[in-house]
């Protein structure tokens, strides 16, 4: 029995990372993906936002599944319209869970987007995201993106978002 336990421990040790290694990889992801992602949203830069995604992405929303990257053209159009309409955006988010190894990360979190119009009126959108990131020819890229504004049929609200403090980069 002890042999099996030792063997299991050795296998686990060989195939797992230390917490420090995982945190270092997640910091790399933050710098390569999440900081530019947030900045692109807040500066209404559709090209920069699209650059955080891989060439081929599976995107799933309540509206359906996009495997043709049509969401990238929609990002450009939406941000251009926001600029024309004088809308500003503030994006805040936090992670509920991050599972990371040297080449893949699965990240779940909550977001709040504040849309402020030219009359200085602000509306909020809340949601949950599930993201898969992979190392793609060097840098980290989003390869799968799923989000929703409901959980178990209940609309996500400020109460859900305010369970944790948003990340600050």
N, C-alpha and C. Protein backbone atom coordinates (compact mmCIF):
# COMPACT_ATOMS: atom_id res chain seq x y z
N UNK A 1 0.83 -1.20 0.00
CA UNK A 1 0.00 0.00 0.00
C UNK A 1 0.87 1.26 0.00
N UNK A 2 1.94 1.21 0.81
CA UNK A 2 2.83 2.38 0.86
C UNK A 2 3.50 2.63 -0.48
N UNK A 3 3.80 1.54 -1.21
CA UNK A 3 4.42 1.68 -2.53
C UNK A 3 3.49 2.44 -3.47
N UNK A 4 2.18 2.10 -3.43
CA UNK A 4 1.21 2.77 -4.29
C UNK A 4 1.06 4.24 -3.92
N UNK A 5 1.06 4.50 -2.64
CA UNK A 5 0.95 5.89 -2.20
C UNK A 5 2.18 6.68 -2.62
N UNK A 6 3.37 6.10 -2.48
CA UNK A 6 4.59 6.76 -2.90
C UNK A 6 4.59 6.98 -4.40
N UNK A 7 4.18 5.95 -5.15
CA UNK A 7 4.11 6.07 -6.60
C UNK A 7 3.13 7.19 -7.01
N UNK A 8 1.98 7.23 -6.37
CA UNK A 8 0.99 8.28 -6.65
C UNK A 8 1.54 9.66 -6.34
N UNK A 9 2.22 9.78 -5.23
CA UNK A 9 2.81 11.07 -4.86
C UNK A 9 3.86 11.49 -5.87
N UNK A 10 4.71 10.55 -6.31
CA UNK A 10 5.74 10.88 -7.29
C UNK A 10 5.12 11.31 -8.62
N UNK A 11 4.09 10.60 -9.05
CA UNK A 11 3.40 10.98 -10.29
C UNK A 11 2.79 12.36 -10.16
N UNK A 12 2.14 12.62 -9.04
CA UNK A 12 1.53 13.93 -8.82
C UNK A 12 2.61 15.00 -8.83
N UNK A 13 3.73 14.76 -8.21
CA UNK A 13 4.82 15.73 -8.14
C UNK A 13 5.40 16.02 -9.51
N UNK A 14 5.52 14.99 -10.35
CA UNK A 14 6.10 15.18 -11.66
C UNK A 14 5.19 15.98 -12.59
N UNK A 15 3.88 15.85 -12.41
CA UNK A 15 2.94 16.47 -13.34
C UNK A 15 2.23 17.69 -12.78
N UNK A 16 2.65 18.17 -11.66
CA UNK A 16 2.01 19.36 -11.10
C UNK A 16 3.03 20.47 -10.95
N UNK A 17 2.53 21.65 -10.84
CA UNK A 17 3.36 22.82 -10.66
C UNK A 17 3.24 23.31 -9.24
N UNK A 18 4.25 24.01 -8.81
CA UNK A 18 4.15 24.65 -7.51
C UNK A 18 3.20 25.84 -7.64
N UNK A 19 2.70 26.29 -6.52
CA UNK A 19 1.81 27.45 -6.54
C UNK A 19 2.53 28.67 -7.11
N UNK A 20 3.81 28.80 -6.80
CA UNK A 20 4.59 29.93 -7.33
C UNK A 20 4.70 29.87 -8.85
N UNK A 21 4.86 28.67 -9.41
CA UNK A 21 4.93 28.54 -10.87
C UNK A 21 3.59 28.88 -11.51
N UNK A 22 2.50 28.43 -10.91
CA UNK A 22 1.17 28.74 -11.43
C UNK A 22 0.92 30.24 -11.37
N UNK A 23 1.26 30.87 -10.26
CA UNK A 23 1.08 32.32 -10.13
C UNK A 23 1.91 33.08 -11.14
N UNK A 24 3.12 32.61 -11.42
CA UNK A 24 3.97 33.27 -12.42
C UNK A 24 3.33 33.19 -13.80
N UNK A 25 2.76 32.03 -14.15
CA UNK A 25 2.07 31.87 -15.43
C UNK A 25 0.84 32.76 -15.47
N UNK A 26 0.07 32.81 -14.39
CA UNK A 26 -1.13 33.65 -14.36
C UNK A 26 -0.77 35.13 -14.45
N UNK A 27 0.34 35.54 -13.87
CA UNK A 27 0.80 36.93 -14.02
C UNK A 27 1.15 37.21 -15.48
N UNK A 28 1.75 36.23 -16.14
CA UNK A 28 2.07 36.36 -17.57
C UNK A 28 0.77 36.53 -18.37
N UNK A 29 -0.24 35.72 -18.05
CA UNK A 29 -1.54 35.82 -18.72
C UNK A 29 -2.16 37.20 -18.46
N UNK A 30 -2.09 37.65 -17.22
CA UNK A 30 -2.64 38.98 -16.89
C UNK A 30 -2.01 40.05 -17.76
N UNK A 31 -0.68 39.99 -17.90
CA UNK A 31 0.04 41.01 -18.68
C UNK A 31 -0.19 40.89 -20.17
N UNK A 32 -0.30 39.66 -20.68
CA UNK A 32 -0.44 39.46 -22.12
C UNK A 32 -1.89 39.51 -22.60
N UNK A 33 -2.84 39.20 -21.72
CA UNK A 33 -4.24 39.14 -22.16
C UNK A 33 -5.13 40.10 -21.38
N UNK A 34 -5.19 39.94 -20.06
CA UNK A 34 -6.23 40.66 -19.31
C UNK A 34 -6.02 42.16 -19.24
N UNK A 35 -4.80 42.62 -19.05
CA UNK A 35 -4.56 44.07 -19.05
C UNK A 35 -4.89 44.67 -20.43
N UNK A 36 -4.37 44.10 -21.52
CA UNK A 36 -4.74 44.64 -22.84
C UNK A 36 -6.23 44.51 -23.15
N UNK A 37 -6.86 43.43 -22.69
CA UNK A 37 -8.29 43.23 -22.91
C UNK A 37 -9.08 44.37 -22.25
N UNK A 38 -8.78 44.63 -20.97
CA UNK A 38 -9.47 45.68 -20.25
C UNK A 38 -9.21 47.05 -20.87
N UNK A 39 -7.97 47.32 -21.20
CA UNK A 39 -7.62 48.62 -21.82
C UNK A 39 -8.34 48.79 -23.16
N UNK A 40 -8.39 47.73 -23.96
CA UNK A 40 -9.06 47.81 -25.25
C UNK A 40 -10.53 48.14 -25.08
N UNK A 41 -11.19 47.52 -24.11
CA UNK A 41 -12.60 47.83 -23.84
C UNK A 41 -12.76 49.29 -23.46
N UNK A 42 -11.91 49.74 -22.57
CA UNK A 42 -12.08 51.09 -22.01
C UNK A 42 -11.64 52.19 -22.98
N UNK A 43 -10.83 51.84 -23.97
CA UNK A 43 -10.43 52.83 -24.98
C UNK A 43 -11.18 52.64 -26.29
N UNK A 44 -12.13 51.70 -26.28
CA UNK A 44 -12.96 51.38 -27.44
C UNK A 44 -12.10 51.03 -28.66
N UNK A 45 -11.08 50.21 -28.43
CA UNK A 45 -10.13 49.81 -29.46
C UNK A 45 -10.42 48.36 -29.86
N UNK A 46 -11.25 48.21 -30.88
CA UNK A 46 -11.66 46.89 -31.33
C UNK A 46 -10.51 46.04 -31.86
N UNK A 47 -9.56 46.67 -32.55
CA UNK A 47 -8.40 45.94 -33.06
C UNK A 47 -7.59 45.35 -31.91
N UNK A 48 -7.36 46.15 -30.87
CA UNK A 48 -6.60 45.68 -29.72
C UNK A 48 -7.35 44.57 -28.99
N UNK A 49 -8.67 44.70 -28.88
CA UNK A 49 -9.46 43.65 -28.24
C UNK A 49 -9.34 42.35 -29.03
N UNK A 50 -9.52 42.44 -30.33
CA UNK A 50 -9.44 41.25 -31.18
C UNK A 50 -8.05 40.60 -31.13
N UNK A 51 -7.02 41.39 -30.88
CA UNK A 51 -5.65 40.86 -30.81
C UNK A 51 -5.44 39.97 -29.59
N UNK A 52 -6.33 40.03 -28.60
CA UNK A 52 -6.20 39.16 -27.43
C UNK A 52 -6.73 37.75 -27.71
N UNK A 53 -7.39 37.60 -28.85
CA UNK A 53 -7.97 36.31 -29.24
C UNK A 53 -7.07 35.58 -30.24
N UNK A 54 -7.14 34.26 -30.24
CA UNK A 54 -6.43 33.45 -31.23
C UNK A 54 -7.10 33.61 -32.59
N UNK A 55 -6.45 33.10 -33.62
CA UNK A 55 -7.01 33.16 -34.97
C UNK A 55 -8.32 32.37 -35.06
N UNK A 56 -8.39 31.23 -34.38
CA UNK A 56 -9.61 30.42 -34.35
C UNK A 56 -10.13 30.38 -32.92
N UNK A 57 -11.37 30.82 -32.74
CA UNK A 57 -11.97 30.92 -31.41
C UNK A 57 -13.35 30.29 -31.42
N UNK A 58 -13.66 29.60 -30.34
CA UNK A 58 -15.03 29.14 -30.10
C UNK A 58 -15.65 30.14 -29.14
N UNK A 59 -16.65 30.88 -29.59
CA UNK A 59 -17.31 31.88 -28.75
C UNK A 59 -18.76 31.47 -28.58
N UNK A 60 -19.18 31.33 -27.32
CA UNK A 60 -20.56 30.94 -27.03
C UNK A 60 -21.19 31.98 -26.12
N UNK A 61 -22.37 32.42 -26.49
CA UNK A 61 -23.14 33.38 -25.71
C UNK A 61 -24.59 32.91 -25.69
N UNK A 62 -25.45 33.59 -24.95
CA UNK A 62 -26.87 33.22 -24.99
C UNK A 62 -27.46 33.30 -26.40
N UNK A 63 -26.78 34.02 -27.30
CA UNK A 63 -27.27 34.15 -28.68
C UNK A 63 -26.85 33.00 -29.58
N UNK A 64 -25.95 32.13 -29.10
CA UNK A 64 -25.53 30.99 -29.92
C UNK A 64 -24.02 30.80 -29.90
N UNK A 65 -23.56 29.97 -30.84
CA UNK A 65 -22.15 29.61 -30.95
C UNK A 65 -21.57 30.23 -32.22
N UNK A 66 -20.41 30.85 -32.07
CA UNK A 66 -19.69 31.47 -33.19
C UNK A 66 -18.36 30.75 -33.34
N UNK A 67 -18.20 30.02 -34.43
CA UNK A 67 -16.93 29.38 -34.74
C UNK A 67 -16.28 30.01 -35.96
N UNK A 68 -16.89 31.08 -36.48
CA UNK A 68 -16.39 31.77 -37.67
C UNK A 68 -15.78 33.13 -37.36
N UNK A 69 -15.61 33.43 -36.07
CA UNK A 69 -15.02 34.70 -35.64
C UNK A 69 -15.83 35.93 -36.08
N UNK A 70 -17.14 35.77 -36.27
CA UNK A 70 -17.95 36.93 -36.63
C UNK A 70 -18.00 37.94 -35.49
N UNK A 71 -17.74 37.49 -34.26
CA UNK A 71 -17.75 38.40 -33.12
C UNK A 71 -16.65 39.45 -33.25
N UNK A 72 -15.56 39.13 -33.96
CA UNK A 72 -14.47 40.10 -34.10
C UNK A 72 -14.91 41.30 -34.94
N UNK A 73 -15.62 41.06 -36.02
CA UNK A 73 -16.16 42.16 -36.83
C UNK A 73 -17.19 42.94 -36.02
N UNK A 74 -17.97 42.24 -35.22
CA UNK A 74 -18.97 42.91 -34.36
C UNK A 74 -18.28 43.78 -33.31
N UNK A 75 -17.14 43.33 -32.78
CA UNK A 75 -16.39 44.17 -31.83
C UNK A 75 -16.00 45.50 -32.46
N UNK A 76 -15.47 45.43 -33.69
CA UNK A 76 -15.04 46.65 -34.39
C UNK A 76 -16.23 47.59 -34.60
N UNK A 77 -17.32 47.03 -35.08
CA UNK A 77 -18.52 47.82 -35.37
C UNK A 77 -19.11 48.43 -34.09
N UNK A 78 -19.20 47.62 -33.03
CA UNK A 78 -19.78 48.09 -31.77
C UNK A 78 -18.97 49.23 -31.16
N UNK A 79 -17.65 49.07 -31.13
CA UNK A 79 -16.81 50.12 -30.54
C UNK A 79 -16.83 51.39 -31.39
N UNK A 80 -16.87 51.23 -32.70
CA UNK A 80 -16.96 52.41 -33.57
C UNK A 80 -18.27 53.15 -33.33
N UNK A 81 -19.36 52.42 -33.16
CA UNK A 81 -20.65 53.04 -32.87
C UNK A 81 -20.64 53.71 -31.50
N UNK A 82 -20.02 53.06 -30.51
CA UNK A 82 -19.91 53.67 -29.19
C UNK A 82 -19.17 55.00 -29.26
N UNK A 83 -18.09 55.04 -30.04
CA UNK A 83 -17.34 56.30 -30.20
C UNK A 83 -18.22 57.37 -30.81
N UNK A 84 -18.94 57.02 -31.87
CA UNK A 84 -19.83 57.99 -32.55
C UNK A 84 -20.92 58.51 -31.61
N UNK A 85 -21.42 57.61 -30.74
CA UNK A 85 -22.50 57.97 -29.83
C UNK A 85 -22.01 58.65 -28.55
N UNK A 86 -20.69 58.77 -28.40
CA UNK A 86 -20.14 59.39 -27.20
C UNK A 86 -20.26 58.53 -25.96
N UNK A 87 -20.27 57.22 -26.14
CA UNK A 87 -20.38 56.28 -25.02
C UNK A 87 -18.97 55.95 -24.52
N UNK A 88 -18.81 55.95 -23.23
CA UNK A 88 -17.56 55.47 -22.63
C UNK A 88 -17.87 54.20 -21.86
N UNK A 89 -16.84 53.37 -21.72
CA UNK A 89 -17.02 52.06 -21.08
C UNK A 89 -15.97 51.88 -20.00
N UNK A 90 -16.43 51.33 -18.87
CA UNK A 90 -15.51 50.89 -17.82
C UNK A 90 -15.78 49.40 -17.60
N UNK A 91 -14.74 48.59 -17.71
CA UNK A 91 -14.85 47.15 -17.52
C UNK A 91 -14.13 46.76 -16.24
N UNK A 92 -14.84 46.05 -15.37
CA UNK A 92 -14.24 45.52 -14.15
C UNK A 92 -14.57 44.03 -14.09
N UNK A 93 -13.65 43.25 -13.53
CA UNK A 93 -13.88 41.82 -13.42
C UNK A 93 -13.02 41.23 -12.32
N UNK A 94 -13.38 40.03 -11.92
CA UNK A 94 -12.60 39.25 -10.97
C UNK A 94 -12.75 37.77 -11.29
N UNK A 95 -11.78 36.98 -10.83
CA UNK A 95 -11.79 35.55 -11.10
C UNK A 95 -12.36 34.79 -9.93
N UNK A 96 -13.26 33.89 -10.22
CA UNK A 96 -13.80 32.96 -9.24
C UNK A 96 -12.92 31.72 -9.17
N UNK A 97 -12.33 31.36 -10.33
CA UNK A 97 -11.52 30.16 -10.41
C UNK A 97 -10.54 30.30 -11.58
N UNK A 98 -9.31 29.85 -11.35
CA UNK A 98 -8.30 29.79 -12.43
C UNK A 98 -7.58 28.45 -12.30
N UNK A 99 -7.58 27.68 -13.36
CA UNK A 99 -6.86 26.41 -13.41
C UNK A 99 -5.85 26.53 -14.55
N UNK A 100 -4.57 26.45 -14.21
CA UNK A 100 -3.52 26.80 -15.16
C UNK A 100 -2.40 25.77 -15.16
N UNK A 101 -1.93 25.45 -16.37
CA UNK A 101 -0.67 24.73 -16.50
C UNK A 101 0.20 25.48 -17.50
N UNK A 102 1.28 24.88 -17.96
CA UNK A 102 2.25 25.63 -18.77
C UNK A 102 1.72 26.07 -20.13
N UNK A 103 0.64 25.47 -20.64
CA UNK A 103 0.17 25.84 -21.97
C UNK A 103 -1.34 26.10 -22.07
N UNK A 104 -2.08 25.90 -20.98
CA UNK A 104 -3.54 26.10 -21.02
C UNK A 104 -4.01 26.67 -19.69
N UNK A 105 -4.98 27.57 -19.77
CA UNK A 105 -5.59 28.09 -18.55
C UNK A 105 -7.10 28.17 -18.75
N UNK A 106 -7.84 27.70 -17.75
CA UNK A 106 -9.30 27.76 -17.76
C UNK A 106 -9.69 28.72 -16.65
N UNK A 107 -10.37 29.82 -17.01
CA UNK A 107 -10.61 30.88 -16.05
C UNK A 107 -12.09 31.26 -16.04
N UNK A 108 -12.64 31.33 -14.83
CA UNK A 108 -14.04 31.64 -14.62
C UNK A 108 -14.12 32.88 -13.74
N UNK A 109 -14.98 33.81 -14.11
CA UNK A 109 -15.11 35.00 -13.29
C UNK A 109 -16.38 35.75 -13.57
N UNK A 110 -16.48 36.91 -12.94
CA UNK A 110 -17.63 37.79 -13.08
C UNK A 110 -17.18 39.15 -13.58
N UNK A 111 -18.03 39.79 -14.36
CA UNK A 111 -17.68 41.12 -14.87
C UNK A 111 -18.83 42.11 -14.65
N UNK A 112 -18.44 43.38 -14.66
CA UNK A 112 -19.39 44.48 -14.66
C UNK A 112 -18.90 45.47 -15.71
N UNK A 113 -19.79 45.84 -16.62
CA UNK A 113 -19.46 46.84 -17.62
C UNK A 113 -20.37 48.04 -17.38
N UNK A 114 -19.74 49.20 -17.23
CA UNK A 114 -20.48 50.46 -17.07
C UNK A 114 -20.45 51.19 -18.41
N UNK A 115 -21.62 51.49 -18.94
CA UNK A 115 -21.77 52.25 -20.18
C UNK A 115 -22.27 53.64 -19.81
N UNK A 116 -21.48 54.65 -20.07
CA UNK A 116 -21.88 56.03 -19.78
C UNK A 116 -22.10 56.74 -21.09
N UNK A 117 -23.32 57.29 -21.27
CA UNK A 117 -23.63 57.95 -22.53
C UNK A 117 -23.24 59.43 -22.49
N UNK A 118 -23.48 60.12 -23.58
CA UNK A 118 -23.08 61.54 -23.69
C UNK A 118 -23.85 62.44 -22.73
N UNK A 119 -24.96 61.97 -22.18
CA UNK A 119 -25.71 62.72 -21.17
C UNK A 119 -25.25 62.39 -19.75
N UNK A 120 -24.15 61.65 -19.66
CA UNK A 120 -23.57 61.26 -18.38
C UNK A 120 -24.46 60.30 -17.58
N UNK A 121 -25.30 59.54 -18.28
CA UNK A 121 -26.13 58.51 -17.66
C UNK A 121 -25.40 57.18 -17.79
N UNK A 122 -25.36 56.42 -16.71
CA UNK A 122 -24.62 55.16 -16.71
C UNK A 122 -25.56 53.97 -16.53
N UNK A 123 -25.37 52.98 -17.39
CA UNK A 123 -26.08 51.70 -17.29
C UNK A 123 -25.04 50.61 -17.08
N UNK A 124 -25.43 49.58 -16.34
CA UNK A 124 -24.51 48.50 -16.02
C UNK A 124 -24.97 47.19 -16.63
N UNK A 125 -24.00 46.40 -17.02
CA UNK A 125 -24.24 45.05 -17.51
C UNK A 125 -23.37 44.12 -16.66
N UNK A 126 -23.97 43.02 -16.20
CA UNK A 126 -23.26 42.06 -15.35
C UNK A 126 -23.28 40.70 -16.01
N UNK A 127 -22.23 39.90 -15.76
CA UNK A 127 -22.21 38.57 -16.31
C UNK A 127 -21.12 37.70 -15.73
N UNK A 128 -21.16 36.46 -16.13
CA UNK A 128 -20.14 35.49 -15.77
C UNK A 128 -19.46 35.04 -17.06
N UNK A 129 -18.16 34.79 -16.98
CA UNK A 129 -17.42 34.30 -18.14
C UNK A 129 -16.66 33.03 -17.80
N UNK A 130 -16.47 32.21 -18.82
CA UNK A 130 -15.61 31.04 -18.78
C UNK A 130 -14.69 31.18 -20.00
N UNK A 131 -13.39 31.25 -19.75
CA UNK A 131 -12.43 31.51 -20.82
C UNK A 131 -11.37 30.41 -20.82
N UNK A 132 -11.01 29.94 -22.01
CA UNK A 132 -9.86 29.05 -22.16
C UNK A 132 -8.79 29.84 -22.91
N UNK A 133 -7.60 29.86 -22.33
CA UNK A 133 -6.46 30.52 -22.95
C UNK A 133 -5.40 29.48 -23.25
N UNK A 134 -4.70 29.68 -24.34
CA UNK A 134 -3.61 28.77 -24.71
C UNK A 134 -2.42 29.58 -25.20
N UNK A 135 -1.25 29.00 -25.04
CA UNK A 135 -0.04 29.58 -25.62
C UNK A 135 -0.15 29.32 -27.12
N UNK A 136 -0.12 30.39 -27.92
CA UNK A 136 -0.23 30.26 -29.36
C UNK A 136 1.00 30.92 -29.99
N UNK A 137 1.92 30.11 -30.43
CA UNK A 137 3.16 30.61 -31.04
C UNK A 137 3.83 31.66 -30.17
N UNK A 138 3.88 31.43 -28.89
CA UNK A 138 4.56 32.34 -27.95
C UNK A 138 3.62 32.97 -26.95
N UNK A 139 2.81 33.95 -27.36
CA UNK A 139 1.96 34.63 -26.38
C UNK A 139 0.68 33.85 -26.06
N UNK A 140 0.08 34.20 -24.94
CA UNK A 140 -1.21 33.64 -24.55
C UNK A 140 -2.31 34.30 -25.37
N UNK A 141 -3.30 33.51 -25.77
CA UNK A 141 -4.45 34.00 -26.53
C UNK A 141 -5.71 33.32 -26.02
N UNK A 142 -6.83 34.02 -26.13
CA UNK A 142 -8.13 33.44 -25.80
C UNK A 142 -8.53 32.53 -26.95
N UNK A 143 -8.83 31.27 -26.64
CA UNK A 143 -9.23 30.32 -27.68
C UNK A 143 -10.69 29.89 -27.54
N UNK A 144 -11.24 30.09 -26.36
CA UNK A 144 -12.64 29.76 -26.13
C UNK A 144 -13.20 30.80 -25.17
N UNK A 145 -14.37 31.33 -25.50
CA UNK A 145 -14.96 32.42 -24.73
C UNK A 145 -16.45 32.17 -24.60
N UNK A 146 -16.90 32.02 -23.38
CA UNK A 146 -18.31 31.78 -23.10
C UNK A 146 -18.74 32.77 -22.02
N UNK A 147 -19.84 33.44 -22.22
CA UNK A 147 -20.37 34.27 -21.14
C UNK A 147 -21.88 34.26 -21.14
N UNK A 148 -22.40 34.63 -19.97
CA UNK A 148 -23.85 34.64 -19.79
C UNK A 148 -24.22 35.72 -18.79
N UNK A 149 -25.47 36.14 -18.84
CA UNK A 149 -25.93 37.12 -17.85
C UNK A 149 -26.92 36.50 -16.87
N UNK A 150 -27.04 35.15 -16.91
CA UNK A 150 -27.90 34.44 -15.95
C UNK A 150 -27.18 33.21 -15.41
N UNK A 151 -27.52 32.84 -14.20
CA UNK A 151 -27.06 31.59 -13.62
C UNK A 151 -28.28 30.89 -13.03
N UNK A 152 -28.52 29.67 -13.48
CA UNK A 152 -29.70 28.91 -13.05
C UNK A 152 -30.99 29.70 -13.26
N UNK A 153 -31.06 30.41 -14.36
CA UNK A 153 -32.26 31.17 -14.69
C UNK A 153 -32.40 32.49 -13.97
N UNK A 154 -31.45 32.83 -13.11
CA UNK A 154 -31.50 34.08 -12.34
C UNK A 154 -30.52 35.09 -12.94
N UNK A 155 -31.01 36.29 -13.18
CA UNK A 155 -30.19 37.35 -13.75
C UNK A 155 -29.04 37.70 -12.81
N UNK A 156 -27.82 37.79 -13.35
CA UNK A 156 -26.65 38.19 -12.57
C UNK A 156 -26.77 39.69 -12.30
N UNK A 157 -26.49 40.09 -11.06
CA UNK A 157 -26.69 41.48 -10.66
C UNK A 157 -25.47 42.01 -9.91
N UNK A 158 -25.60 43.23 -9.45
CA UNK A 158 -24.53 43.85 -8.65
C UNK A 158 -24.26 43.04 -7.38
N UNK A 159 -25.29 42.40 -6.85
CA UNK A 159 -25.11 41.57 -5.64
C UNK A 159 -24.11 40.45 -5.93
N UNK A 160 -24.22 39.81 -7.08
CA UNK A 160 -23.29 38.75 -7.46
C UNK A 160 -21.89 39.31 -7.69
N UNK A 161 -21.84 40.42 -8.40
CA UNK A 161 -20.53 41.00 -8.73
C UNK A 161 -19.80 41.49 -7.48
N UNK A 162 -20.52 42.05 -6.56
CA UNK A 162 -19.90 42.67 -5.38
C UNK A 162 -19.47 41.66 -4.31
N UNK A 163 -19.52 40.38 -4.63
CA UNK A 163 -19.02 39.36 -3.70
C UNK A 163 -17.50 39.43 -3.56
N UNK A 164 -16.84 39.99 -4.58
CA UNK A 164 -15.38 40.13 -4.55
C UNK A 164 -15.00 41.49 -5.11
N UNK A 165 -13.83 41.93 -4.75
CA UNK A 165 -13.30 43.19 -5.25
C UNK A 165 -12.77 42.98 -6.67
N UNK A 166 -13.04 43.91 -7.58
CA UNK A 166 -12.51 43.78 -8.95
C UNK A 166 -10.98 43.84 -8.95
N UNK A 167 -10.39 43.20 -9.95
CA UNK A 167 -8.94 43.22 -10.10
C UNK A 167 -8.46 44.62 -10.46
N UNK A 168 -7.29 44.94 -10.01
CA UNK A 168 -6.64 46.18 -10.39
C UNK A 168 -5.28 45.84 -10.96
N UNK A 169 -5.03 46.27 -12.17
CA UNK A 169 -3.74 45.99 -12.81
C UNK A 169 -2.83 47.20 -12.71
